[in-house]
């Protein structure tokens, strides 16, 4: 399920990445808030792998290759706010 309020709550650096992804044709698969990571964590999952160049130099944001088909391909994690922007594996 996609909740527009979740998108509006997303931290500024992750929101910028999300908007760039959407501009390039990626789509949001689902959003959620809750106990995935911490009590009030926010999670947004994209349908495709990240289409924008990976950024590893954003202060307070950690990029990680998860590469676990039970979860997702990779993610950006706002370590202070516990927001995650993740992407699925390429759909076949």
PDB file of N, CA and C in Angstrom:
ATOM      1  N   UNK A   1       0.824  -1.171   0.000  1.00  0.00           N
ATOM      2  CA  UNK A   1       0.000   0.000   0.000  1.00  0.00           C
ATOM      3  C   UNK A   1       0.880   1.250   0.000  1.00  0.00           C
ATOM      4  N   UNK A   2       0.435   2.272  -0.669  1.00  0.00           N
ATOM      5  CA  UNK A   2       1.170   3.528  -0.734  1.00  0.00           C
ATOM      6  C   UNK A   2       0.373   4.598  -0.003  1.00  0.00           C
ATOM      7  N   UNK A   3       1.026   5.219   0.972  1.00  0.00           N
ATOM      8  CA  UNK A   3       0.401   6.282   1.742  1.00  0.00           C
ATOM      9  C   UNK A   3       1.157   7.584   1.434  1.00  0.00           C
ATOM     10  N   UNK A   4       0.483   8.559   0.848  1.00  0.00           N
ATOM     11  CA  UNK A   4       1.128   9.816   0.458  1.00  0.00           C
ATOM     12  C   UNK A   4       1.698  10.568   1.653  1.00  0.00           C
ATOM     13  N   UNK A   5       1.116  10.416   2.815  1.00  0.00           N
ATOM     14  CA  UNK A   5       1.645  11.077   4.013  1.00  0.00           C
ATOM     15  C   UNK A   5       3.035  10.546   4.360  1.00  0.00           C
ATOM     16  N   UNK A   6       3.270   9.268   4.125  1.00  0.00           N
ATOM     17  CA  UNK A   6       4.595   8.700   4.367  1.00  0.00           C
ATOM     18  C   UNK A   6       5.629   9.369   3.476  1.00  0.00           C
ATOM     19  N   UNK A   7       5.266   9.600   2.235  1.00  0.00           N
ATOM     20  CA  UNK A   7       6.184  10.232   1.282  1.00  0.00           C
ATOM     21  C   UNK A   7       6.518  11.648   1.759  1.00  0.00           C
ATOM     22  N   UNK A   8       5.518  12.372   2.223  1.00  0.00           N
ATOM     23  CA  UNK A   8       5.720  13.738   2.711  1.00  0.00           C
ATOM     24  C   UNK A   8       6.586  13.776   3.966  1.00  0.00           C
ATOM     25  N   UNK A   9       6.588  12.715   4.754  1.00  0.00           N
ATOM     26  CA  UNK A   9       7.365  12.649   5.992  1.00  0.00           C
ATOM     27  C   UNK A   9       8.828  12.299   5.755  1.00  0.00           C
ATOM     28  N   UNK A  10       9.167  11.789   4.594  1.00  0.00           N
ATOM     29  CA  UNK A  10      10.511  11.295   4.301  1.00  0.00           C
ATOM     30  C   UNK A  10      11.556  12.392   4.483  1.00  0.00           C
ATOM     31  N   UNK A  11      12.694  12.033   5.047  1.00  0.00           N
ATOM     32  CA  UNK A  11      13.766  13.010   5.280  1.00  0.00           C
ATOM     33  C   UNK A  11      14.171  13.681   3.969  1.00  0.00           C
ATOM     34  N   UNK A  12      14.622  14.912   4.046  1.00  0.00           N
ATOM     35  CA  UNK A  12      14.942  15.710   2.853  1.00  0.00           C
ATOM     36  C   UNK A  12      15.924  15.032   1.905  1.00  0.00           C
ATOM     37  N   UNK A  13      17.045  14.474   2.395  1.00  0.00           N
ATOM     38  CA  UNK A  13      17.972  13.831   1.452  1.00  0.00           C
ATOM     39  C   UNK A  13      17.354  12.629   0.728  1.00  0.00           C
ATOM     40  N   UNK A  14      16.572  11.830   1.461  1.00  0.00           N
ATOM     41  CA  UNK A  14      15.941  10.660   0.838  1.00  0.00           C
ATOM     42  C   UNK A  14      14.813  11.091  -0.090  1.00  0.00           C
ATOM     43  N   UNK A  15      14.121  12.152   0.268  1.00  0.00           N
ATOM     44  CA  UNK A  15      13.058  12.678  -0.585  1.00  0.00           C
ATOM     45  C   UNK A  15      13.633  13.129  -1.933  1.00  0.00           C
ATOM     46  N   UNK A  16      14.792  13.773  -1.902  1.00  0.00           N
ATOM     47  CA  UNK A  16      15.438  14.215  -3.142  1.00  0.00           C
ATOM     48  C   UNK A  16      15.801  13.018  -4.022  1.00  0.00           C
ATOM     49  N   UNK A  17      16.340  11.968  -3.418  1.00  0.00           N
ATOM     50  CA  UNK A  17      16.666  10.757  -4.181  1.00  0.00           C
ATOM     51  C   UNK A  17      15.384  10.149  -4.745  1.00  0.00           C
ATOM     52  N   UNK A  18      14.341  10.077  -3.925  1.00  0.00           N
ATOM     53  CA  UNK A  18      13.069   9.518  -4.365  1.00  0.00           C
ATOM     54  C   UNK A  18      12.516  10.291  -5.564  1.00  0.00           C
ATOM     55  N   UNK A  19      12.529  11.610  -5.496  1.00  0.00           N
ATOM     56  CA  UNK A  19      11.997  12.418  -6.604  1.00  0.00           C
ATOM     57  C   UNK A  19      12.799  12.192  -7.883  1.00  0.00           C
ATOM     58  N   UNK A  20      14.122  12.073  -7.765  1.00  0.00           N
ATOM     59  CA  UNK A  20      14.954  11.773  -8.939  1.00  0.00           C
ATOM     60  C   UNK A  20      14.607  10.405  -9.516  1.00  0.00           C
ATOM     61  N   UNK A  21      14.384   9.434  -8.664  1.00  0.00           N
ATOM     62  CA  UNK A  21      14.002   8.096  -9.116  1.00  0.00           C
ATOM     63  C   UNK A  21      12.666   8.130  -9.854  1.00  0.00           C
ATOM     64  N   UNK A  22      11.704   8.828  -9.293  1.00  0.00           N
ATOM     65  CA  UNK A  22      10.387   8.922  -9.925  1.00  0.00           C
ATOM     66  C   UNK A  22      10.475   9.649 -11.264  1.00  0.00           C
ATOM     67  N   UNK A  23      11.305  10.691 -11.336  1.00  0.00           N
ATOM     68  CA  UNK A  23      11.504  11.419 -12.597  1.00  0.00           C
ATOM     69  C   UNK A  23      12.068  10.512 -13.693  1.00  0.00           C
ATOM     70  N   UNK A  24      12.871   9.518 -13.286  1.00  0.00           N
ATOM     71  CA  UNK A  24      13.480   8.596 -14.253  1.00  0.00           C
ATOM     72  C   UNK A  24      12.586   7.386 -14.553  1.00  0.00           C
ATOM     73  N   UNK A  25      11.415   7.328 -13.941  1.00  0.00           N
ATOM     74  CA  UNK A  25      10.479   6.254 -14.266  1.00  0.00           C
ATOM     75  C   UNK A  25      10.334   5.160 -13.238  1.00  0.00           C
ATOM     76  N   UNK A  26      11.109   5.206 -12.162  1.00  0.00           N
ATOM     77  CA  UNK A  26      10.915   4.222 -11.101  1.00  0.00           C
ATOM     78  C   UNK A  26       9.589   4.543 -10.418  1.00  0.00           C
ATOM     79  N   UNK A  27       9.005   3.569  -9.743  1.00  0.00           N
ATOM     80  CA  UNK A  27       7.716   3.755  -9.084  1.00  0.00           C
ATOM     81  C   UNK A  27       7.789   3.242  -7.658  1.00  0.00           C
ATOM     82  N   UNK A  28       6.955   3.812  -6.813  1.00  0.00           N
ATOM     83  CA  UNK A  28       6.875   3.351  -5.432  1.00  0.00           C
ATOM     84  C   UNK A  28       6.038   2.073  -5.400  1.00  0.00           C
ATOM     85  N   UNK A  29       6.571   1.052  -4.755  1.00  0.00           N
ATOM     86  CA  UNK A  29       5.873  -0.221  -4.611  1.00  0.00           C
ATOM     87  C   UNK A  29       5.029  -0.214  -3.339  1.00  0.00           C
ATOM     88  N   UNK A  30       5.629   0.286  -2.229  1.00  0.00           N
ATOM     89  CA  UNK A  30       4.884   0.358  -0.977  1.00  0.00           C
ATOM     90  C   UNK A  30       5.548   1.328  -0.017  1.00  0.00           C
ATOM     91  N   UNK A  31       4.764   1.801   0.940  1.00  0.00           N
ATOM     92  CA  UNK A  31       5.282   2.631   2.027  1.00  0.00           C
ATOM     93  C   UNK A  31       4.753   2.073   3.334  1.00  0.00           C
ATOM     94  N   UNK A  32       5.500   2.304   4.413  1.00  0.00           N
ATOM     95  CA  UNK A  32       5.012   1.881   5.726  1.00  0.00           C
ATOM     96  C   UNK A  32       5.731   2.669   6.817  1.00  0.00           C
ATOM     97  N   UNK A  33       5.073   2.735   7.958  1.00  0.00           N
ATOM     98  CA  UNK A  33       5.647   3.329   9.157  1.00  0.00           C
ATOM     99  C   UNK A  33       5.437   2.324  10.265  1.00  0.00           C
ATOM    100  N   UNK A  34       6.458   2.156  11.075  1.00  0.00           N
ATOM    101  CA  UNK A  34       6.265   1.251  12.199  1.00  0.00           C
ATOM    102  C   UNK A  34       7.478   0.449  12.545  1.00  0.00           C
ATOM    103  N   UNK A  35       7.259  -0.712  13.095  1.00  0.00           N
ATOM    104  CA  UNK A  35       8.319  -1.460  13.769  1.00  0.00           C
ATOM    105  C   UNK A  35       9.272  -2.237  12.862  1.00  0.00           C
ATOM    106  N   UNK A  36       9.388  -1.841  11.593  1.00  0.00           N
ATOM    107  CA  UNK A  36      10.317  -2.565  10.724  1.00  0.00           C
ATOM    108  C   UNK A  36      11.746  -2.448  11.252  1.00  0.00           C
ATOM    109  N   UNK A  37      12.161  -1.262  11.628  1.00  0.00           N
ATOM    110  CA  UNK A  37      13.503  -1.045  12.170  1.00  0.00           C
ATOM    111  C   UNK A  37      13.427  -0.545  13.607  1.00  0.00           C
ATOM    112  N   UNK A  38      12.656   0.475  13.809  1.00  0.00           N
ATOM    113  CA  UNK A  38      12.419   1.041  15.140  1.00  0.00           C
ATOM    114  C   UNK A  38      10.953   1.424  15.212  1.00  0.00           C
ATOM    115  N   UNK A  39      10.495   1.777  16.361  1.00  0.00           N
ATOM    116  CA  UNK A  39       9.067   2.020  16.575  1.00  0.00           C
ATOM    117  C   UNK A  39       8.461   2.973  15.551  1.00  0.00           C
ATOM    118  N   UNK A  40       9.137   4.065  15.245  1.00  0.00           N
ATOM    119  CA  UNK A  40       8.566   5.058  14.344  1.00  0.00           C
ATOM    120  C   UNK A  40       9.346   5.170  13.041  1.00  0.00           C
ATOM    121  N   UNK A  41      10.009   4.117  12.621  1.00  0.00           N
ATOM    122  CA  UNK A  41      10.748   4.139  11.363  1.00  0.00           C
ATOM    123  C   UNK A  41       9.812   4.289  10.172  1.00  0.00           C
ATOM    124  N   UNK A  42      10.349   4.840   9.086  1.00  0.00           N
ATOM    125  CA  UNK A  42       9.576   5.029   7.866  1.00  0.00           C
ATOM    126  C   UNK A  42      10.282   4.269   6.748  1.00  0.00           C
ATOM    127  N   UNK A  43       9.512   3.594   5.916  1.00  0.00           N
ATOM    128  CA  UNK A  43      10.076   2.726   4.883  1.00  0.00           C
ATOM    129  C   UNK A  43       9.356   2.961   3.564  1.00  0.00           C
ATOM    130  N   UNK A  44      10.132   3.177   2.507  1.00  0.00           N
ATOM    131  CA  UNK A  44       9.584   3.291   1.159  1.00  0.00           C
ATOM    132  C   UNK A  44      10.366   2.342   0.261  1.00  0.00           C
ATOM    133  N   UNK A  45       9.639   1.519  -0.484  1.00  0.00           N
ATOM    134  CA  UNK A  45      10.247   0.541  -1.377  1.00  0.00           C
ATOM    135  C   UNK A  45       9.893   0.873  -2.817  1.00  0.00           C
ATOM    136  N   UNK A  46      10.916   0.937  -3.669  1.00  0.00           N
ATOM    137  CA  UNK A  46      10.732   1.203  -5.096  1.00  0.00           C
ATOM    138  C   UNK A  46      10.611  -0.107  -5.865  1.00  0.00           C
ATOM    139  N   UNK A  47       9.904  -0.069  -6.996  1.00  0.00           N
ATOM    140  CA  UNK A  47       9.661  -1.270  -7.804  1.00  0.00           C
ATOM    141  C   UNK A  47      10.913  -1.815  -8.471  1.00  0.00           C
ATOM    142  N   UNK A  48      11.822  -0.926  -8.878  1.00  0.00           N
ATOM    143  CA  UNK A  48      13.017  -1.322  -9.631  1.00  0.00           C
ATOM    144  C   UNK A  48      14.272  -0.947  -8.858  1.00  0.00           C
ATOM    145  N   UNK A  49      15.427  -1.488  -9.252  1.00  0.00           N
ATOM    146  CA  UNK A  49      16.686  -1.029  -8.661  1.00  0.00           C
ATOM    147  C   UNK A  49      16.852   0.475  -8.883  1.00  0.00           C
ATOM    148  N   UNK A  50      17.673   1.088  -8.048  1.00  0.00           N
ATOM    149  CA  UNK A  50      17.909   2.523  -8.195  1.00  0.00           C
ATOM    150  C   UNK A  50      18.391   2.843  -9.599  1.00  0.00           C
ATOM    151  N   UNK A  51      17.799   3.869 -10.197  1.00  0.00           N
ATOM    152  CA  UNK A  51      18.153   4.295 -11.544  1.00  0.00           C
ATOM    153  C   UNK A  51      19.159   5.442 -11.523  1.00  0.00           C
ATOM    154  N   UNK A  52      19.215   6.167 -10.411  1.00  0.00           N
ATOM    155  CA  UNK A  52      20.156   7.278 -10.283  1.00  0.00           C
ATOM    156  C   UNK A  52      21.507   6.752  -9.816  1.00  0.00           C
ATOM    157  N   UNK A  53      22.547   7.553 -10.041  1.00  0.00           N
ATOM    158  CA  UNK A  53      23.878   7.176  -9.563  1.00  0.00           C
ATOM    159  C   UNK A  53      23.843   7.057  -8.041  1.00  0.00           C
ATOM    160  N   UNK A  54      24.472   6.015  -7.514  1.00  0.00           N
ATOM    161  CA  UNK A  54      24.500   5.773  -6.076  1.00  0.00           C
ATOM    162  C   UNK A  54      25.340   6.856  -5.409  1.00  0.00           C
ATOM    163  N   UNK A  55      24.799   7.406  -4.327  1.00  0.00           N
ATOM    164  CA  UNK A  55      25.497   8.449  -3.578  1.00  0.00           C
ATOM    165  C   UNK A  55      25.922   7.888  -2.227  1.00  0.00           C
ATOM    166  N   UNK A  56      27.205   7.954  -1.942  1.00  0.00           N
ATOM    167  CA  UNK A  56      27.710   7.452  -0.664  1.00  0.00           C
ATOM    168  C   UNK A  56      28.284   8.576   0.195  1.00  0.00           C
ATOM    169  N   UNK A  57      28.106   9.814  -0.232  1.00  0.00           N
ATOM    170  CA  UNK A  57      28.706  10.944   0.473  1.00  0.00           C
ATOM    171  C   UNK A  57      27.678  11.897   1.084  1.00  0.00           C
ATOM    172  N   UNK A  58      26.486  11.420   1.350  1.00  0.00           N
ATOM    173  CA  UNK A  58      25.447  12.262   1.947  1.00  0.00           C
ATOM    174  C   UNK A  58      25.555  12.130   3.464  1.00  0.00           C
ATOM    175  N   UNK A  59      25.758  13.252   4.132  1.00  0.00           N
ATOM    176  CA  UNK A  59      25.928  13.260   5.582  1.00  0.00           C
ATOM    177  C   UNK A  59      24.695  12.672   6.274  1.00  0.00           C
ATOM    178  N   UNK A  60      24.920  11.677   7.136  1.00  0.00           N
ATOM    179  CA  UNK A  60      23.839  11.065   7.900  1.00  0.00           C
ATOM    180  C   UNK A  60      23.055  10.000   7.162  1.00  0.00           C
ATOM    181  N   UNK A  61      23.409   9.776   5.887  1.00  0.00           N
ATOM    182  CA  UNK A  61      22.716   8.769   5.079  1.00  0.00           C
ATOM    183  C   UNK A  61      23.704   7.667   4.731  1.00  0.00           C
ATOM    184  N   UNK A  62      23.319   6.455   5.023  1.00  0.00           N
ATOM    185  CA  UNK A  62      24.183   5.305   4.733  1.00  0.00           C
ATOM    186  C   UNK A  62      23.570   4.505   3.590  1.00  0.00           C
ATOM    187  N   UNK A  63      24.393   4.205   2.564  1.00  0.00           N
ATOM    188  CA  UNK A  63      23.952   3.349   1.472  1.00  0.00           C
ATOM    189  C   UNK A  63      24.449   1.941   1.753  1.00  0.00           C
ATOM    190  N   UNK A  64      23.595   0.957   1.466  1.00  0.00           N
ATOM    191  CA  UNK A  64      23.975  -0.436   1.717  1.00  0.00           C
ATOM    192  C   UNK A  64      23.384  -1.333   0.645  1.00  0.00           C
ATOM    193  N   UNK A  65      24.208  -2.239   0.132  1.00  0.00           N
ATOM    194  CA  UNK A  65      23.754  -3.307  -0.766  1.00  0.00           C
ATOM    195  C   UNK A  65      23.266  -4.451   0.113  1.00  0.00           C
ATOM    196  N   UNK A  66      21.973  -4.695   0.119  1.00  0.00           N
ATOM    197  CA  UNK A  66      21.395  -5.758   0.936  1.00  0.00           C
ATOM    198  C   UNK A  66      21.498  -7.083   0.184  1.00  0.00           C
ATOM    199  N   UNK A  67      21.089  -7.081  -1.074  1.00  0.00           N
ATOM    200  CA  UNK A  67      21.162  -8.253  -1.956  1.00  0.00           C
ATOM    201  C   UNK A  67      20.586  -9.517  -1.325  1.00  0.00           C
ATOM    202  N   UNK A  68      19.432  -9.389  -0.718  1.00  0.00           N
ATOM    203  CA  UNK A  68      18.748 -10.532  -0.129  1.00  0.00           C
ATOM    204  C   UNK A  68      17.357 -10.610  -0.768  1.00  0.00           C
ATOM    205  N   UNK A  69      17.097 -11.647  -1.573  1.00  0.00           N
ATOM    206  CA  UNK A  69      15.812 -11.737  -2.267  1.00  0.00           C
ATOM    207  C   UNK A  69      14.605 -11.807  -1.326  1.00  0.00           C
ATOM    208  N   UNK A  70      14.828 -12.115  -0.063  1.00  0.00           N
ATOM    209  CA  UNK A  70      13.730 -12.104   0.906  1.00  0.00           C
ATOM    210  C   UNK A  70      13.386 -10.681   1.339  1.00  0.00           C
ATOM    211  N   UNK A  71      14.295  -9.757   1.086  1.00  0.00           N
ATOM    212  CA  UNK A  71      14.082  -8.373   1.490  1.00  0.00           C
ATOM    213  C   UNK A  71      14.124  -7.462   0.270  1.00  0.00           C
ATOM    214  N   UNK A  72      15.305  -6.913  -0.059  1.00  0.00           N
ATOM    215  CA  UNK A  72      15.425  -5.996  -1.190  1.00  0.00           C
ATOM    216  C   UNK A  72      16.861  -5.923  -1.645  1.00  0.00           C
ATOM    217  N   UNK A  73      17.077  -5.230  -2.751  1.00  0.00           N
ATOM    218  CA  UNK A  73      18.398  -5.156  -3.378  1.00  0.00           C
ATOM    219  C   UNK A  73      19.341  -4.224  -2.627  1.00  0.00           C
ATOM    220  N   UNK A  74      18.939  -2.968  -2.445  1.00  0.00           N
ATOM    221  CA  UNK A  74      19.800  -2.002  -1.763  1.00  0.00           C
ATOM    222  C   UNK A  74      18.948  -0.933  -1.103  1.00  0.00           C
ATOM    223  N   UNK A  75      19.608  -0.110  -0.273  1.00  0.00           N
ATOM    224  CA  UNK A  75      18.860   0.865   0.497  1.00  0.00           C
ATOM    225  C   UNK A  75      19.710   2.069   0.857  1.00  0.00           C
ATOM    226  N   UNK A  76      19.015   3.177   1.073  1.00  0.00           N
ATOM    227  CA  UNK A  76      19.568   4.355   1.724  1.00  0.00           C
ATOM    228  C   UNK A  76      18.887   4.431   3.090  1.00  0.00           C
ATOM    229  N   UNK A  77      19.683   4.661   4.134  1.00  0.00           N
ATOM    230  CA  UNK A  77      19.138   4.694   5.491  1.00  0.00           C
ATOM    231  C   UNK A  77      19.521   6.007   6.155  1.00  0.00           C
ATOM    232  N   UNK A  78      18.529   6.797   6.540  1.00  0.00           N
ATOM    233  CA  UNK A  78      18.763   8.006   7.323  1.00  0.00           C
ATOM    234  C   UNK A  78      18.942   7.540   8.762  1.00  0.00           C
ATOM    235  N   UNK A  79      20.172   7.589   9.239  1.00  0.00           N
ATOM    236  CA  UNK A  79      20.503   6.999  10.529  1.00  0.00           C
ATOM    237  C   UNK A  79      19.901   7.754  11.715  1.00  0.00           C
ATOM    238  N   UNK A  80      19.616   9.024  11.557  1.00  0.00           N
ATOM    239  CA  UNK A  80      19.044   9.806  12.653  1.00  0.00           C
ATOM    240  C   UNK A  80      17.535   9.601  12.753  1.00  0.00           C
ATOM    241  N   UNK A  81      16.855   9.676  11.617  1.00  0.00           N
ATOM    242  CA  UNK A  81      15.388   9.586  11.610  1.00  0.00           C
ATOM    243  C   UNK A  81      14.872   8.164  11.413  1.00  0.00           C
ATOM    244  N   UNK A  82      15.767   7.241  11.073  1.00  0.00           N
ATOM    245  CA  UNK A  82      15.400   5.840  10.820  1.00  0.00           C
ATOM    246  C   UNK A  82      14.410   5.713   9.659  1.00  0.00           C
ATOM    247  N   UNK A  83      14.684   6.481   8.607  1.00  0.00           N
ATOM    248  CA  UNK A  83      13.929   6.375   7.362  1.00  0.00           C
ATOM    249  C   UNK A  83      14.750   5.554   6.385  1.00  0.00           C
ATOM    250  N   UNK A  84      14.071   4.710   5.618  1.00  0.00           N
ATOM    251  CA  UNK A  84      14.745   3.860   4.638  1.00  0.00           C
ATOM    252  C   UNK A  84      14.062   4.021   3.287  1.00  0.00           C
ATOM    253  N   UNK A  85      14.886   4.235   2.275  1.00  0.00           N
ATOM    254  CA  UNK A  85      14.438   4.208   0.881  1.00  0.00           C
ATOM    255  C   UNK A  85      15.151   3.020   0.260  1.00  0.00           C
ATOM    256  N   UNK A  86      14.393   2.007  -0.114  1.00  0.00           N
ATOM    257  CA  UNK A  86      14.959   0.755  -0.616  1.00  0.00           C
ATOM    258  C   UNK A  86      14.434   0.481  -2.014  1.00  0.00           C
ATOM    259  N   UNK A  87      15.092  -0.460  -2.706  1.00  0.00           N
ATOM    260  CA  UNK A  87      14.645  -0.822  -4.057  1.00  0.00           C
ATOM    261  C   UNK A  87      14.613  -2.335  -4.208  1.00  0.00           C
ATOM    262  N   UNK A  88      13.671  -2.770  -5.042  1.00  0.00           N
ATOM    263  CA  UNK A  88      13.540  -4.198  -5.378  1.00  0.00           C
ATOM    264  C   UNK A  88      14.629  -4.606  -6.359  1.00  0.00           C
ATOM    265  N   UNK A  89      14.700  -5.893  -6.595  1.00  0.00           N
ATOM    266  CA  UNK A  89      15.543  -6.424  -7.655  1.00  0.00           C
ATOM    267  C   UNK A  89      14.845  -6.171  -8.979  1.00  0.00           C
ATOM    268  N   UNK A  90      15.592  -6.225 -10.077  1.00  0.00           N
ATOM    269  CA  UNK A  90      14.999  -6.045 -11.404  1.00  0.00           C
ATOM    270  C   UNK A  90      13.904  -7.070 -11.611  1.00  0.00           C
ATOM    271  N   UNK A  91      12.749  -6.623 -12.057  1.00  0.00           N
ATOM    272  CA  UNK A  91      11.640  -7.542 -12.320  1.00  0.00           C
ATOM    273  C   UNK A  91      11.853  -8.214 -13.668  1.00  0.00           C
ATOM    274  N   UNK A  92      11.593  -9.491 -13.721  1.00  0.00           N
ATOM    275  CA  UNK A  92      11.802 -10.259 -14.961  1.00  0.00           C
ATOM    276  C   UNK A  92      10.512 -10.364 -15.726  1.00  0.00           C
TER     277      UNK A  92
END
